[in-house]
């Protein structure tokens, strides 16, 4: 199941670990530290002008890496976390109806 996150980027829904909205990141020191650490580690994949959500994914081709941060990639999106979650839920419903 593929989820389009904007800016011509699509992700495999199975790889998505979490979708965070911009407000939850700015309101939580833990979330902010996580995002900042991923960016500092070079795990930010794309850039957009108007960030509305952060998507953290598990990169399949590095499952056996010793460094946990190598497994994670951060995407930013100008699509709200609610819309992305609804797309994800919609894909789940379509899969069970097939």
Protein backbone atom coordinates (compact mmCIF):
# COMPACT_ATOMS: atom_id res chain seq x y z
CA UNK A 1 0.00 0.00 0.00
CA UNK A 2 1.48 3.27 -1.16
CA UNK A 3 0.72 6.61 0.50
CA UNK A 4 1.38 9.87 -1.31
CA UNK A 5 2.79 12.47 1.13
CA UNK A 6 3.08 15.36 -1.32
CA UNK A 7 5.97 16.79 -3.33
CA UNK A 8 5.85 13.76 -5.67
CA UNK A 9 6.86 11.39 -2.84
CA UNK A 10 5.09 8.15 -2.06
CA UNK A 11 5.88 5.80 0.81
CA UNK A 12 5.06 2.20 1.53
CA UNK A 13 2.51 2.29 4.33
CA UNK A 14 4.13 -0.75 5.96
CA UNK A 15 7.32 1.24 6.54
CA UNK A 16 5.65 4.18 8.31
CA UNK A 17 6.31 4.14 12.04
CA UNK A 18 4.68 7.41 13.03
CA UNK A 19 3.08 10.52 11.58
CA UNK A 20 3.43 13.60 13.78
CA UNK A 21 1.77 16.95 13.24
CA UNK A 22 3.82 20.12 13.52
CA UNK A 23 2.06 21.22 16.73
CA UNK A 24 2.78 17.98 18.59
CA UNK A 25 6.46 18.34 17.71
CA UNK A 26 6.65 21.95 18.86
CA UNK A 27 4.66 21.22 22.06
CA UNK A 28 6.73 18.21 23.19
CA UNK A 29 10.42 18.35 24.06
CA UNK A 30 10.72 14.60 23.43
CA UNK A 31 9.22 14.86 19.95
CA UNK A 32 11.28 17.96 19.16
CA UNK A 33 14.48 16.22 20.29
CA UNK A 34 13.66 13.16 18.18
CA UNK A 35 13.08 15.24 15.06
CA UNK A 36 16.15 17.41 15.71
CA UNK A 37 18.34 14.32 16.22
CA UNK A 38 17.12 12.74 12.99
CA UNK A 39 17.89 15.95 11.10
CA UNK A 40 21.34 16.30 12.68
CA UNK A 41 22.09 12.66 11.84
CA UNK A 42 21.41 13.32 8.16
CA UNK A 43 18.20 11.27 8.07
CA UNK A 44 16.02 14.04 6.62
CA UNK A 45 15.11 12.93 3.11
CA UNK A 46 13.23 15.93 1.71
CA UNK A 47 12.42 19.58 2.39
CA UNK A 48 9.20 21.54 1.97
CA UNK A 49 8.45 25.21 2.60
CA UNK A 50 5.32 24.77 4.73
CA UNK A 51 5.81 21.78 7.06
CA UNK A 52 2.54 20.43 8.44
CA UNK A 53 3.63 16.93 9.39
CA UNK A 54 6.64 14.73 10.02
CA UNK A 55 6.74 11.09 8.89
CA UNK A 56 9.26 8.66 10.35
CA UNK A 57 9.81 5.48 8.38
CA UNK A 58 11.81 2.30 8.85
CA UNK A 59 14.17 1.84 5.92
CA UNK A 60 13.86 -1.79 4.79
CA UNK A 61 17.24 -2.22 3.16
CA UNK A 62 19.09 -1.50 6.41
CA UNK A 63 17.16 -3.74 8.80
CA UNK A 64 20.34 -5.37 10.12
CA UNK A 65 22.28 -2.20 10.81
CA UNK A 66 23.83 -1.96 14.26
CA UNK A 67 22.99 1.73 14.51
CA UNK A 68 19.26 2.19 15.13
CA UNK A 69 19.31 5.71 13.66
CA UNK A 70 20.42 4.24 10.32
CA UNK A 71 17.09 2.43 10.18
CA UNK A 72 15.03 5.60 10.45
CA UNK A 73 14.34 8.19 7.77
CA UNK A 74 12.46 11.44 8.27
CA UNK A 75 10.15 12.91 5.67
CA UNK A 76 8.36 16.25 5.98
CA UNK A 77 5.07 17.00 4.30
CA UNK A 78 2.87 19.99 3.59
CA UNK A 79 -0.15 17.70 4.01
CA UNK A 80 -1.76 17.58 7.46
CA UNK A 81 -1.22 14.52 9.63
CA UNK A 82 -4.99 13.96 9.71
CA UNK A 83 -5.18 13.80 5.92
CA UNK A 84 -2.19 11.44 5.77
CA UNK A 85 -3.73 9.21 8.43
CA UNK A 86 -7.06 9.16 6.57
CA UNK A 87 -5.24 8.12 3.40
CA UNK A 88 -3.60 5.33 5.36
CA UNK A 89 -6.92 4.18 6.83
CA UNK A 90 -8.54 4.37 3.40
CA UNK A 91 -5.85 2.10 1.98
CA UNK A 92 -6.42 -0.42 4.77
CA UNK A 93 -10.15 -0.52 4.00
CA UNK A 94 -9.53 -1.01 0.28
CA UNK A 95 -7.15 -3.90 0.97
CA UNK A 96 -9.69 -5.78 3.10
CA UNK A 97 -12.46 -5.25 0.54
CA UNK A 98 -10.44 -6.74 -2.35
